[in-house]
Amino acid sequence: MNSQPKNPPPANIAPNPGTVTRLESGEILKGANTVEIEHAGQRYLLRVTRENKLILTK
């Protein structure tokens, strides 16, 4: 029997309430223009536009 939680908590939770974790977009994109993000069983696309802006879509 598997005793692991169905939805484990996010790995990158800020240690103190009120603090914000900052990541560089390059850490997420790793040279790609589009990356898939799974959150709560849903898939999202994070992409870089021609104007070098970020867009997150479901």
C-alpha atoms as a PDB file:
ATOM      1  CA  MET A   1       0.000   0.000   0.000  1.00  0.00           C
ATOM      2  CA  ASN A   2       1.317   3.463  -0.918  1.00  0.00           C
ATOM      3  CA  SER A   3       1.239   5.947   1.968  1.00  0.00           C
ATOM      4  CA  GLN A   4       2.538   8.957   0.006  1.00  0.00           C
ATOM      5  CA  PRO A   5       0.233  11.997  -0.118  1.00  0.00           C
ATOM      6  CA  LYS A   6      -1.818  12.351  -3.288  1.00  0.00           C
ATOM      7  CA  ASN A   7      -0.654  15.927  -3.946  1.00  0.00           C
ATOM      8  CA  PRO A   8       2.697  16.639  -2.274  1.00  0.00           C
ATOM      9  CA  PRO A   9       3.303  20.236  -1.182  1.00  0.00           C
ATOM     10  CA  PRO A  10       5.218  22.498  -3.575  1.00  0.00           C
ATOM     11  CA  ALA A  11       8.980  22.153  -3.190  1.00  0.00           C
ATOM     12  CA  ASN A  12       9.683  25.888  -3.281  1.00  0.00           C
ATOM     13  CA  ILE A  13       7.593  27.333  -0.444  1.00  0.00           C
ATOM     14  CA  ALA A  14       8.829  30.603   1.047  1.00  0.00           C
ATOM     15  CA  PRO A  15      10.181  29.889   4.556  1.00  0.00           C
ATOM     16  CA  ASN A  16       8.446  32.857   6.196  1.00  0.00           C
ATOM     17  CA  PRO A  17       4.984  34.223   5.504  1.00  0.00           C
ATOM     18  CA  GLY A  18       5.229  37.488   3.610  1.00  0.00           C
ATOM     19  CA  THR A  19       8.477  36.592   1.845  1.00  0.00           C
ATOM     20  CA  VAL A  20       8.576  35.992  -1.888  1.00  0.00           C
ATOM     21  CA  THR A  21      10.839  33.501  -3.640  1.00  0.00           C
ATOM     22  CA  ARG A  22      12.448  35.050  -6.726  1.00  0.00           C
ATOM     23  CA  LEU A  23      13.583  32.986  -9.714  1.00  0.00           C
ATOM     24  CA  GLU A  24      15.206  34.199 -12.900  1.00  0.00           C
ATOM     25  CA  SER A  25      13.099  33.289 -15.953  1.00  0.00           C
ATOM     26  CA  GLY A  26      16.143  31.509 -17.400  1.00  0.00           C
ATOM     27  CA  GLU A  27      16.068  29.073 -14.464  1.00  0.00           C
ATOM     28  CA  ILE A  28      12.551  28.064 -15.476  1.00  0.00           C
ATOM     29  CA  LEU A  29      12.842  28.226 -19.270  1.00  0.00           C
ATOM     30  CA  LYS A  30      16.387  26.771 -19.549  1.00  0.00           C
ATOM     31  CA  GLY A  31      16.865  28.253 -23.033  1.00  0.00           C
ATOM     32  CA  ALA A  32      13.430  27.264 -24.364  1.00  0.00           C
ATOM     33  CA  ASN A  33      10.707  29.708 -25.450  1.00  0.00           C
ATOM     34  CA  THR A  34       7.933  27.594 -23.937  1.00  0.00           C
ATOM     35  CA  VAL A  35       7.688  25.423 -20.849  1.00  0.00           C
ATOM     36  CA  GLU A  36       4.816  23.286 -19.513  1.00  0.00           C
ATOM     37  CA  ILE A  37       3.925  23.723 -15.855  1.00  0.00           C
ATOM     38  CA  GLU A  38       1.697  21.257 -14.035  1.00  0.00           C
ATOM     39  CA  HIS A  39      -0.235  22.645 -11.079  1.00  0.00           C
ATOM     40  CA  ALA A  40      -3.027  20.877  -9.181  1.00  0.00           C
ATOM     41  CA  GLY A  41      -3.495  18.397 -12.008  1.00  0.00           C
ATOM     42  CA  GLN A  42      -3.802  21.132 -14.661  1.00  0.00           C
ATOM     43  CA  ARG A  43      -1.257  21.938 -17.374  1.00  0.00           C
ATOM     44  CA  TYR A  44      -0.230  25.490 -18.137  1.00  0.00           C
ATOM     45  CA  LEU A  45       2.087  26.920 -20.796  1.00  0.00           C
ATOM     46  CA  LEU A  46       4.563  29.644 -19.931  1.00  0.00           C
ATOM     47  CA  ARG A  47       5.935  31.227 -23.075  1.00  0.00           C
ATOM     48  CA  VAL A  48       8.093  34.149 -24.136  1.00  0.00           C
ATOM     49  CA  THR A  49       6.517  36.490 -26.717  1.00  0.00           C
ATOM     50  CA  ARG A  50       8.282  38.228 -29.600  1.00  0.00           C
ATOM     51  CA  GLU A  51       8.348  41.330 -27.394  1.00  0.00           C
ATOM     52  CA  ASN A  52      10.199  39.299 -24.713  1.00  0.00           C
ATOM     53  CA  LYS A  53       7.238  39.279 -22.318  1.00  0.00           C
ATOM     54  CA  LEU A  54       5.960  36.243 -20.431  1.00  0.00           C
ATOM     55  CA  ILE A  55       2.483  34.804 -20.941  1.00  0.00           C
ATOM     56  CA  LEU A  56       0.952  32.006 -18.839  1.00  0.00           C
ATOM     57  CA  THR A  57      -2.022  30.223 -20.420  1.00  0.00           C
ATOM     58  CA  LYS A  58      -4.108  27.230 -19.441  1.00  0.00           C
END
